PDB file of N, CA and C in Angstrom:
ATOM      1  N   UNK A   1      15.784 -51.112  40.857  1.00  0.00           N
ATOM      2  CA  UNK A   1      16.589 -50.444  39.753  1.00  0.00           C
ATOM      3  C   UNK A   1      15.317 -50.339  38.324  1.00  0.00           C
ATOM      4  N   UNK A   2      15.568 -49.376  37.504  1.00  0.00           N
ATOM      5  CA  UNK A   2      15.183 -49.653  35.896  1.00  0.00           C
ATOM      6  C   UNK A   2      16.636 -48.864  35.278  1.00  0.00           C
ATOM      7  N   UNK A   3      17.244 -49.735  34.531  1.00  0.00           N
ATOM      8  CA  UNK A   3      18.427 -49.585  34.078  1.00  0.00           C
ATOM      9  C   UNK A   3      18.025 -50.081  32.252  1.00  0.00           C
ATOM     10  N   UNK A   4      18.198 -49.391  31.374  1.00  0.00           N
ATOM     11  CA  UNK A   4      18.146 -49.954  29.849  1.00  0.00           C
ATOM     12  C   UNK A   4      17.252 -48.915  28.977  1.00  0.00           C
ATOM     13  N   UNK A   5      16.475 -49.562  28.471  1.00  0.00           N
ATOM     14  CA  UNK A   5      15.919 -48.516  26.813  1.00  0.00           C
ATOM     15  C   UNK A   5      14.545 -48.734  27.611  1.00  0.00           C
ATOM     16  N   UNK A   6      13.725 -47.862  27.764  1.00  0.00           N
ATOM     17  CA  UNK A   6      12.021 -47.747  28.518  1.00  0.00           C
ATOM     18  C   UNK A   6      11.443 -46.498  27.709  1.00  0.00           C
ATOM     19  N   UNK A   7      10.005 -46.757  27.754  1.00  0.00           N
ATOM     20  CA  UNK A   7       9.317 -45.965  27.439  1.00  0.00           C
ATOM     21  C   UNK A   7       8.984 -44.768  28.076  1.00  0.00           C
ATOM     22  N   UNK A   8       8.495 -43.349  27.843  1.00  0.00           N
ATOM     23  CA  UNK A   8       8.821 -42.564  28.398  1.00  0.00           C
ATOM     24  C   UNK A   8       7.343 -41.784  27.773  1.00  0.00           C
ATOM     25  N   UNK A   9       6.265 -41.389  28.660  1.00  0.00           N
ATOM     26  CA  UNK A   9       5.161 -40.674  28.048  1.00  0.00           C
ATOM     27  C   UNK A   9       5.172 -39.025  28.307  1.00  0.00           C
ATOM     28  N   UNK A  10       5.230 -38.468  28.336  1.00  0.00           N
ATOM     29  CA  UNK A  10       4.731 -37.058  28.091  1.00  0.00           C
ATOM     30  C   UNK A  10       2.855 -36.758  28.663  1.00  0.00           C
ATOM     31  N   UNK A  11       2.860 -36.111  29.958  1.00  0.00           N
ATOM     32  CA  UNK A  11       1.427 -35.619  30.566  1.00  0.00           C
ATOM     33  C   UNK A  11       0.778 -34.907  29.529  1.00  0.00           C
ATOM     34  N   UNK A  12      -0.122 -34.286  29.500  1.00  0.00           N
ATOM     35  CA  UNK A  12      -0.599 -33.148  28.926  1.00  0.00           C
ATOM     36  C   UNK A  12       0.096 -31.771  29.521  1.00  0.00           C
ATOM     37  N   UNK A  13       0.744 -31.867  30.526  1.00  0.00           N
ATOM     38  CA  UNK A  13       1.134 -30.574  30.630  1.00  0.00           C
ATOM     39  C   UNK A  13       2.485 -30.717  29.850  1.00  0.00           C
ATOM     40  N   UNK A  14       3.348 -31.854  29.821  1.00  0.00           N
ATOM     41  CA  UNK A  14       4.248 -31.754  28.826  1.00  0.00           C
ATOM     42  C   UNK A  14       4.317 -31.825  27.938  1.00  0.00           C
ATOM     43  N   UNK A  15       3.129 -32.035  27.390  1.00  0.00           N
ATOM     44  CA  UNK A  15       3.438 -31.649  25.865  1.00  0.00           C
ATOM     45  C   UNK A  15       3.336 -30.251  25.441  1.00  0.00           C
ATOM     46  N   UNK A  16       2.837 -29.804  26.542  1.00  0.00           N
ATOM     47  CA  UNK A  16       2.480 -27.471  26.183  1.00  0.00           C
ATOM     48  C   UNK A  16       3.746 -27.389  26.670  1.00  0.00           C
ATOM     49  N   UNK A  17       4.679 -27.937  27.766  1.00  0.00           N
ATOM     50  CA  UNK A  17       5.736 -27.640  27.921  1.00  0.00           C
ATOM     51  C   UNK A  17       7.539 -26.805  27.000  1.00  0.00           C
ATOM     52  N   UNK A  18       7.834 -25.701  27.194  1.00  0.00           N
ATOM     53  CA  UNK A  18       8.771 -25.448  25.585  1.00  0.00           C
ATOM     54  C   UNK A  18       9.819 -26.414  25.772  1.00  0.00           C
ATOM     55  N   UNK A  19      10.339 -27.148  26.833  1.00  0.00           N
ATOM     56  CA  UNK A  19      11.170 -27.898  27.227  1.00  0.00           C
ATOM     57  C   UNK A  19      11.029 -28.767  26.098  1.00  0.00           C
ATOM     58  N   UNK A  20      10.265 -29.487  26.096  1.00  0.00           N
ATOM     59  CA  UNK A  20       9.783 -30.634  25.359  1.00  0.00           C
ATOM     60  C   UNK A  20       9.387 -30.508  23.868  1.00  0.00           C
ATOM     61  N   UNK A  21       8.998 -29.446  23.717  1.00  0.00           N
ATOM     62  CA  UNK A  21       8.950 -28.985  22.330  1.00  0.00           C
ATOM     63  C   UNK A  21       9.665 -30.065  21.362  1.00  0.00           C
ATOM     64  N   UNK A  22       8.927 -30.634  20.311  1.00  0.00           N
ATOM     65  CA  UNK A  22       9.741 -31.605  19.141  1.00  0.00           C
ATOM     66  C   UNK A  22       9.392 -32.966  19.656  1.00  0.00           C
ATOM     67  N   UNK A  23       9.337 -33.483  21.068  1.00  0.00           N
ATOM     68  CA  UNK A  23       9.314 -34.422  21.367  1.00  0.00           C
ATOM     69  C   UNK A  23       7.950 -35.098  21.405  1.00  0.00           C
ATOM     70  N   UNK A  24       7.716 -36.678  21.044  1.00  0.00           N
ATOM     71  CA  UNK A  24       6.293 -37.370  20.449  1.00  0.00           C
ATOM     72  C   UNK A  24       5.883 -37.207  21.988  1.00  0.00           C
ATOM     73  N   UNK A  25       4.515 -37.822  22.466  1.00  0.00           N
ATOM     74  CA  UNK A  25       4.108 -38.161  23.448  1.00  0.00           C
ATOM     75  C   UNK A  25       4.479 -39.436  23.920  1.00  0.00           C
ATOM     76  N   UNK A  26       4.913 -40.442  22.959  1.00  0.00           N
ATOM     77  CA  UNK A  26       5.404 -41.212  23.225  1.00  0.00           C
ATOM     78  C   UNK A  26       7.262 -41.572  23.152  1.00  0.00           C
ATOM     79  N   UNK A  27       7.933 -41.735  24.035  1.00  0.00           N
ATOM     80  CA  UNK A  27       9.641 -42.223  23.548  1.00  0.00           C
ATOM     81  C   UNK A  27       9.974 -42.887  24.143  1.00  0.00           C
ATOM     82  N   UNK A  28      11.039 -43.618  23.497  1.00  0.00           N
ATOM     83  CA  UNK A  28      12.026 -44.360  24.153  1.00  0.00           C
ATOM     84  C   UNK A  28      13.711 -43.832  24.572  1.00  0.00           C
ATOM     85  N   UNK A  29      13.576 -43.804  25.995  1.00  0.00           N
ATOM     86  CA  UNK A  29      15.001 -43.209  25.898  1.00  0.00           C
ATOM     87  C   UNK A  29      15.761 -43.957  27.098  1.00  0.00           C
ATOM     88  N   UNK A  30      16.864 -43.707  27.708  1.00  0.00           N
ATOM     89  CA  UNK A  30      17.710 -44.658  28.668  1.00  0.00           C
ATOM     90  C   UNK A  30      17.526 -44.157  30.022  1.00  0.00           C
ATOM     91  N   UNK A  31      17.294 -45.243  30.823  1.00  0.00           N
ATOM     92  CA  UNK A  31      17.248 -45.035  32.026  1.00  0.00           C
ATOM     93  C   UNK A  31      18.534 -45.648  33.197  1.00  0.00           C
ATOM     94  N   UNK A  32      18.406 -45.187  33.856  1.00  0.00           N
ATOM     95  CA  UNK A  32      19.681 -45.422  34.691  1.00  0.00           C
ATOM     96  C   UNK A  32      19.269 -44.879  36.593  1.00  0.00           C
ATOM     97  N   UNK A  33      18.364 -45.484  37.156  1.00  0.00           N
ATOM     98  CA  UNK A  33      18.481 -45.252  38.731  1.00  0.00           C
ATOM     99  C   UNK A  33      17.343 -46.531  38.635  1.00  0.00           C
ATOM    100  N   UNK A  34      17.492 -46.277  40.518  1.00  0.00           N
ATOM    101  CA  UNK A  34      16.491 -46.896  41.237  1.00  0.00           C
ATOM    102  C   UNK A  34      16.122 -46.042  42.302  1.00  0.00           C
ATOM    103  N   UNK A  35      16.394 -45.102  42.789  1.00  0.00           N
ATOM    104  CA  UNK A  35      15.564 -44.217  43.394  1.00  0.00           C
ATOM    105  C   UNK A  35      14.443 -43.563  42.646  1.00  0.00           C
ATOM    106  N   UNK A  36      13.534 -43.276  43.809  1.00  0.00           N
ATOM    107  CA  UNK A  36      12.435 -42.577  43.484  1.00  0.00           C
ATOM    108  C   UNK A  36      11.964 -41.324  44.151  1.00  0.00           C
ATOM    109  N   UNK A  37      11.186 -40.099  44.347  1.00  0.00           N
ATOM    110  CA  UNK A  37      11.058 -39.452  44.917  1.00  0.00           C
ATOM    111  C   UNK A  37      10.169 -38.919  44.952  1.00  0.00           C
ATOM    112  N   UNK A  38       9.471 -37.460  45.831  1.00  0.00           N
ATOM    113  CA  UNK A  38       8.459 -36.768  46.187  1.00  0.00           C
ATOM    114  C   UNK A  38       8.424 -35.168  45.069  1.00  0.00           C
ATOM    115  N   UNK A  39       7.551 -35.035  44.191  1.00  0.00           N
ATOM    116  CA  UNK A  39       8.101 -34.150  43.714  1.00  0.00           C
ATOM    117  C   UNK A  39       7.602 -32.887  44.253  1.00  0.00           C
ATOM    118  N   UNK A  40       8.172 -31.688  44.539  1.00  0.00           N
ATOM    119  CA  UNK A  40       8.516 -30.452  45.618  1.00  0.00           C
ATOM    120  C   UNK A  40       6.719 -29.829  45.010  1.00  0.00           C
ATOM    121  N   UNK A  41       6.672 -29.397  46.409  1.00  0.00           N
ATOM    122  CA  UNK A  41       5.278 -28.865  46.905  1.00  0.00           C
ATOM    123  C   UNK A  41       4.634 -27.382  45.512  1.00  0.00           C
ATOM    124  N   UNK A  42       4.157 -27.752  44.721  1.00  0.00           N
ATOM    125  CA  UNK A  42       3.661 -26.688  43.526  1.00  0.00           C
ATOM    126  C   UNK A  42       4.317 -27.355  42.304  1.00  0.00           C
ATOM    127  N   UNK A  43       4.853 -28.409  42.060  1.00  0.00           N
ATOM    128  CA  UNK A  43       5.839 -28.523  40.972  1.00  0.00           C
ATOM    129  C   UNK A  43       4.502 -29.616  40.239  1.00  0.00           C
ATOM    130  N   UNK A  44       5.083 -29.684  38.826  1.00  0.00           N
ATOM    131  CA  UNK A  44       3.696 -30.128  37.975  1.00  0.00           C
ATOM    132  C   UNK A  44       4.534 -30.810  37.237  1.00  0.00           C
ATOM    133  N   UNK A  45       3.839 -32.804  37.325  1.00  0.00           N
ATOM    134  CA  UNK A  45       4.495 -33.567  36.066  1.00  0.00           C
ATOM    135  C   UNK A  45       4.248 -33.500  34.754  1.00  0.00           C
ATOM    136  N   UNK A  46       5.561 -33.944  33.815  1.00  0.00           N
ATOM    137  CA  UNK A  46       5.910 -33.889  32.871  1.00  0.00           C
ATOM    138  C   UNK A  46       5.919 -34.947  31.933  1.00  0.00           C
ATOM    139  N   UNK A  47       6.578 -36.389  32.227  1.00  0.00           N
ATOM    140  CA  UNK A  47       7.033 -37.353  31.755  1.00  0.00           C
ATOM    141  C   UNK A  47       6.523 -38.143  32.981  1.00  0.00           C
ATOM    142  N   UNK A  48       6.261 -39.311  32.576  1.00  0.00           N
ATOM    143  CA  UNK A  48       6.314 -40.568  33.762  1.00  0.00           C
ATOM    144  C   UNK A  48       6.522 -41.900  32.596  1.00  0.00           C
ATOM    145  N   UNK A  49       7.258 -42.746  33.243  1.00  0.00           N
ATOM    146  CA  UNK A  49       7.071 -44.223  32.724  1.00  0.00           C
ATOM    147  C   UNK A  49       6.513 -44.998  33.606  1.00  0.00           C
ATOM    148  N   UNK A  50       6.359 -46.234  33.386  1.00  0.00           N
ATOM    149  CA  UNK A  50       5.420 -46.919  33.552  1.00  0.00           C
ATOM    150  C   UNK A  50       5.468 -47.400  35.566  1.00  0.00           C
ATOM    151  N   UNK A  51       6.880 -47.401  36.053  1.00  0.00           N
ATOM    152  CA  UNK A  51       7.163 -47.221  37.708  1.00  0.00           C
ATOM    153  C   UNK A  51       7.357 -45.564  38.189  1.00  0.00           C
ATOM    154  N   UNK A  52       8.117 -44.540  37.240  1.00  0.00           N
ATOM    155  CA  UNK A  52       8.560 -43.543  38.146  1.00  0.00           C
ATOM    156  C   UNK A  52       8.209 -42.428  37.129  1.00  0.00           C
ATOM    157  N   UNK A  53       7.702 -41.588  38.147  1.00  0.00           N
ATOM    158  CA  UNK A  53       8.054 -39.903  37.723  1.00  0.00           C
ATOM    159  C   UNK A  53       9.137 -39.851  37.198  1.00  0.00           C
ATOM    160  N   UNK A  54       8.763 -38.983  36.129  1.00  0.00           N
ATOM    161  CA  UNK A  54      10.552 -38.760  35.047  1.00  0.00           C
ATOM    162  C   UNK A  54      10.679 -37.472  34.813  1.00  0.00           C
ATOM    163  N   UNK A  55      10.264 -36.719  34.379  1.00  0.00           N
ATOM    164  CA  UNK A  55      10.073 -34.845  34.670  1.00  0.00           C
ATOM    165  C   UNK A  55       9.671 -34.423  35.429  1.00  0.00           C
ATOM    166  N   UNK A  56       9.846 -33.161  36.146  1.00  0.00           N
ATOM    167  CA  UNK A  56       9.004 -32.512  36.403  1.00  0.00           C
ATOM    168  C   UNK A  56       9.627 -30.902  36.166  1.00  0.00           C
ATOM    169  N   UNK A  57       8.117 -29.712  36.100  1.00  0.00           N
ATOM    170  CA  UNK A  57       8.640 -28.317  36.609  1.00  0.00           C
ATOM    171  C   UNK A  57       8.208 -27.603  37.685  1.00  0.00           C
ATOM    172  N   UNK A  58       9.265 -27.110  37.894  1.00  0.00           N
ATOM    173  CA  UNK A  58       8.789 -26.076  39.303  1.00  0.00           C
ATOM    174  C   UNK A  58       9.096 -25.317  39.328  1.00  0.00           C
ATOM    175  N   UNK A  59       7.787 -23.692  38.789  1.00  0.00           N
ATOM    176  CA  UNK A  59       7.794 -22.662  38.001  1.00  0.00           C
ATOM    177  C   UNK A  59       8.199 -22.862  36.826  1.00  0.00           C
ATOM    178  N   UNK A  60       8.686 -21.772  36.120  1.00  0.00           N
ATOM    179  CA  UNK A  60       8.874 -21.624  34.751  1.00  0.00           C
ATOM    180  C   UNK A  60      10.268 -21.833  34.534  1.00  0.00           C
ATOM    181  N   UNK A  61      11.125 -21.907  35.272  1.00  0.00           N
ATOM    182  CA  UNK A  61      12.762 -22.453  34.934  1.00  0.00           C
ATOM    183  C   UNK A  61      13.049 -23.666  36.116  1.00  0.00           C
ATOM    184  N   UNK A  62      12.761 -24.027  36.613  1.00  0.00           N
ATOM    185  CA  UNK A  62      13.215 -25.249  37.227  1.00  0.00           C
ATOM    186  C   UNK A  62      12.850 -26.505  36.730  1.00  0.00           C
ATOM    187  N   UNK A  63      14.002 -27.347  36.313  1.00  0.00           N
ATOM    188  CA  UNK A  63      13.368 -28.488  35.921  1.00  0.00           C
ATOM    189  C   UNK A  63      14.204 -29.856  36.909  1.00  0.00           C
ATOM    190  N   UNK A  64      13.629 -31.274  36.681  1.00  0.00           N
ATOM    191  CA  UNK A  64      13.572 -32.062  37.693  1.00  0.00           C
ATOM    192  C   UNK A  64      13.584 -33.670  36.013  1.00  0.00           C
ATOM    193  N   UNK A  65      14.300 -34.395  36.149  1.00  0.00           N
ATOM    194  CA  UNK A  65      14.624 -34.842  35.131  1.00  0.00           C
ATOM    195  C   UNK A  65      15.268 -36.141  35.384  1.00  0.00           C
ATOM    196  N   UNK A  66      14.965 -37.728  35.791  1.00  0.00           N
ATOM    197  CA  UNK A  66      15.397 -38.780  35.925  1.00  0.00           C
ATOM    198  C   UNK A  66      15.823 -39.765  35.070  1.00  0.00           C
ATOM    199  N   UNK A  67      15.532 -39.575  33.337  1.00  0.00           N
ATOM    200  CA  UNK A  67      15.941 -40.531  32.532  1.00  0.00           C
ATOM    201  C   UNK A  67      17.555 -39.560  31.989  1.00  0.00           C
ATOM    202  N   UNK A  68      18.086 -40.434  31.050  1.00  0.00           N
ATOM    203  CA  UNK A  68      19.406 -40.024  30.488  1.00  0.00           C
ATOM    204  C   UNK A  68      18.738 -39.458  29.145  1.00  0.00           C
ATOM    205  N   UNK A  69      18.859 -38.688  28.501  1.00  0.00           N
ATOM    206  CA  UNK A  69      17.936 -38.179  26.997  1.00  0.00           C
ATOM    207  C   UNK A  69      19.205 -37.854  26.071  1.00  0.00           C
ATOM    208  N   UNK A  70      20.510 -37.696  26.795  1.00  0.00           N
ATOM    209  CA  UNK A  70      21.570 -37.628  25.611  1.00  0.00           C
ATOM    210  C   UNK A  70      22.429 -39.017  25.527  1.00  0.00           C
ATOM    211  N   UNK A  71      22.712 -39.054  23.490  1.00  0.00           N
ATOM    212  CA  UNK A  71      23.757 -40.009  23.741  1.00  0.00           C
ATOM    213  C   UNK A  71      24.720 -40.270  23.864  1.00  0.00           C
ATOM    214  N   UNK A  72      25.745 -39.243  24.192  1.00  0.00           N
ATOM    215  CA  UNK A  72      26.404 -39.347  24.580  1.00  0.00           C
ATOM    216  C   UNK A  72      26.887 -39.642  26.398  1.00  0.00           C
ATOM    217  N   UNK A  73      26.058 -39.304  26.973  1.00  0.00           N
ATOM    218  CA  UNK A  73      26.281 -39.504  28.144  1.00  0.00           C
ATOM    219  C   UNK A  73      25.874 -40.946  28.380  1.00  0.00           C
ATOM    220  N   UNK A  74      25.142 -41.719  27.764  1.00  0.00           N
ATOM    221  CA  UNK A  74      24.769 -43.181  27.542  1.00  0.00           C
ATOM    222  C   UNK A  74      26.088 -43.463  27.952  1.00  0.00           C
ATOM    223  N   UNK A  75      27.027 -43.301  26.648  1.00  0.00           N
ATOM    224  CA  UNK A  75      28.028 -43.891  26.402  1.00  0.00           C
ATOM    225  C   UNK A  75      29.431 -43.792  27.585  1.00  0.00           C
ATOM    226  N   UNK A  76      28.802 -42.673  28.024  1.00  0.00           N
ATOM    227  CA  UNK A  76      29.968 -41.860  29.430  1.00  0.00           C
ATOM    228  C   UNK A  76      29.506 -42.706  30.594  1.00  0.00           C
ATOM    229  N   UNK A  77      27.951 -42.606  30.566  1.00  0.00           N
ATOM    230  CA  UNK A  77      27.936 -43.626  31.864  1.00  0.00           C
ATOM    231  C   UNK A  77      28.463 -45.298  31.665  1.00  0.00           C
ATOM    232  N   UNK A  78      28.420 -46.202  30.730  1.00  0.00           N
ATOM    233  CA  UNK A  78      28.464 -47.438  30.469  1.00  0.00           C
ATOM    234  C   UNK A  78      30.004 -47.648  30.865  1.00  0.00           C
ATOM    235  N   UNK A  79      30.896 -46.100  30.203  1.00  0.00           N
ATOM    236  CA  UNK A  79      32.496 -46.415  30.428  1.00  0.00           C
ATOM    237  C   UNK A  79      32.463 -46.328  31.586  1.00  0.00           C
ATOM    238  N   UNK A  80      32.126 -45.245  32.701  1.00  0.00           N
ATOM    239  CA  UNK A  80      32.634 -44.919  33.968  1.00  0.00           C
ATOM    240  C   UNK A  80      31.896 -45.826  34.869  1.00  0.00           C
ATOM    241  N   UNK A  81      30.591 -46.526  34.605  1.00  0.00           N
ATOM    242  CA  UNK A  81      29.861 -47.322  35.530  1.00  0.00           C
ATOM    243  C   UNK A  81      29.439 -48.823  35.456  1.00  0.00           C
ATOM    244  N   UNK A  82      29.905 -48.858  34.628  1.00  0.00           N
ATOM    245  CA  UNK A  82      30.144 -50.554  34.095  1.00  0.00           C
ATOM    246  C   UNK A  82      29.996 -51.556  34.536  1.00  0.00           C
ATOM    247  N   UNK A  83      30.870 -51.386  35.576  1.00  0.00           N
ATOM    248  CA  UNK A  83      30.590 -52.578  37.215  1.00  0.00           C
ATOM    249  C   UNK A  83      29.100 -52.248  37.624  1.00  0.00           C
ATOM    250  N   UNK A  84      28.619 -51.056  37.811  1.00  0.00           N
ATOM    251  CA  UNK A  84      27.017 -51.292  38.447  1.00  0.00           C
ATOM    252  C   UNK A  84      26.053 -51.943  37.874  1.00  0.00           C
ATOM    253  N   UNK A  85      26.279 -52.016  36.466  1.00  0.00           N
ATOM    254  CA  UNK A  85      25.528 -52.772  35.166  1.00  0.00           C
ATOM    255  C   UNK A  85      25.693 -54.433  35.358  1.00  0.00           C
ATOM    256  N   UNK A  86      26.724 -54.883  35.523  1.00  0.00           N
ATOM    257  CA  UNK A  86      27.314 -56.031  36.128  1.00  0.00           C
ATOM    258  C   UNK A  86      26.597 -56.245  37.109  1.00  0.00           C
ATOM    259  N   UNK A  87      26.698 -55.907  38.119  1.00  0.00           N
ATOM    260  CA  UNK A  87      26.327 -56.202  39.477  1.00  0.00           C
ATOM    261  C   UNK A  87      25.136 -56.870  39.452  1.00  0.00           C
ATOM    262  N   UNK A  88      24.388 -55.486  39.163  1.00  0.00           N
ATOM    263  CA  UNK A  88      23.137 -55.240  38.553  1.00  0.00           C
ATOM    264  C   UNK A  88      22.291 -56.681  38.241  1.00  0.00           C
ATOM    265  N   UNK A  89      22.946 -56.776  36.693  1.00  0.00           N
ATOM    266  CA  UNK A  89      22.920 -58.224  36.003  1.00  0.00           C
ATOM    267  C   UNK A  89      22.696 -59.309  36.626  1.00  0.00           C
ATOM    268  N   UNK A  90      23.853 -59.136  37.574  1.00  0.00           N
ATOM    269  CA  UNK A  90      24.142 -60.719  38.564  1.00  0.00           C
ATOM    270  C   UNK A  90      23.239 -60.468  39.485  1.00  0.00           C
ATOM    271  N   UNK A  91      22.455 -59.607  39.659  1.00  0.00           N
ATOM    272  CA  UNK A  91      21.560 -59.952  41.018  1.00  0.00           C
ATOM    273  C   UNK A  91      20.211 -60.170  40.629  1.00  0.00           C
ATOM    274  N   UNK A  92      19.777 -60.121  39.215  1.00  0.00           N
ATOM    275  CA  UNK A  92      18.409 -60.168  38.413  1.00  0.00           C
ATOM    276  C   UNK A  92      18.221 -61.487  38.451  1.00  0.00           C
ATOM    277  N   UNK A  93      16.778 -62.078  39.056  1.00  0.00           N
ATOM    278  CA  UNK A  93      16.505 -63.527  38.978  1.00  0.00           C
ATOM    279  C   UNK A  93      16.661 -64.099  37.706  1.00  0.00           C
ATOM    280  N   UNK A  94      17.003 -65.200  37.419  1.00  0.00           N
ATOM    281  CA  UNK A  94      17.523 -66.325  36.014  1.00  0.00           C
ATOM    282  C   UNK A  94      16.270 -66.872  35.824  1.00  0.00           C
TER     283      UNK A  94
END
């Protein structure tokens, strides 16, 4: 699981991608996932964290994003899925 605030780094392709215009190369964002994936054939990695691919683009209009960049979404997720956080925290070694 990757839950909480952590860094993301844009790749060379991400730095020139119009969707990520205005983002710095390194930024901190919210993560709430434990799954990984292989990107589709022909897709280009746009952002990575230490553990996972965080964003990719396939063609010029299809994007995949693993992290949660919207502040309102953070609050909504915490409200709706707070019990998941508690279970995850309780499962971590002390």
